[in-house]
Structures are given as structure tokens and as C-alpha cells.
Amino acid sequence: MTERPELLQELVERNQIWPVMAAKWGVENPVPPWKTSLDGMCDALDRASCEQNVPNFKERRDEEDQLSATLYANLPYPENQLVALAHSLLERGIIDEAELKQRLVSIRERLEA
């Protein structure tokens, strides 16, 4: 895990971190609205770790810590946690870049509707 996947590199370069987006839209809550979904996803992964290629709690946290301290060190928390998880899932083949990109497009469409 020494290189950022292209899609994640594009996301990082956009600098759409929560403090910037909250200021842009006049939101005062310091916690991003997607943080609870991220926590839920991590909990679900922890419970599904018996499945092939799904990291257990320790593996997921170790990978998150490593990626957050290296490739995604310039991102604040919890953005670095989110991108590190996506990176780990891409590396393990649990999701591919095309599927992740489609999901991001779908989310953007809902937000802009």
C-alpha cells in the first residue's frame, strides 16, 4: 500500500474536507454528517471479518493507522479514516474503482437534487 489509487488521489486533490465544506454551506456542526455511516460501515466490516478478504478489526485499524500516517497524512480526521478505509477495500478487491466511482456519482446526484 505505497501508492494512492487514482480515484482516491482525485478525491484528496479536491480538498473537500469537512471544515471547508461546512464553512462553504454555513454548517456549524463540527462532525461531518457521513461520520455515523462510516462508523456503521466499520462495525459491519468488523462483524463480517470471517468473509474472504474482509479485514478483521485489528487488520482494519492497523491499515487505517498506517495509511493515515503516510499516504493520507495531509487529510484531517475523519477524512483520513474514510479514505484509508476506501483504500484498504480497493486493495483487497472488496470494491473496485469503477464501483466506487459509480457510488460517488450516485451520492453527488442525490446531494445536488
Foldseek 3Di string as FASTA:
>chain_A
DQDADPVLVVVVVVVPADVVVCVVVVNDDPDDPCVVVLVVVLVVLCVVVVDPLRPHNVVLVVQLVVCCVPVVVVGDPPVSSVSSNVRSCCVSVVDHPVRVVVVVVVVVVVVVD
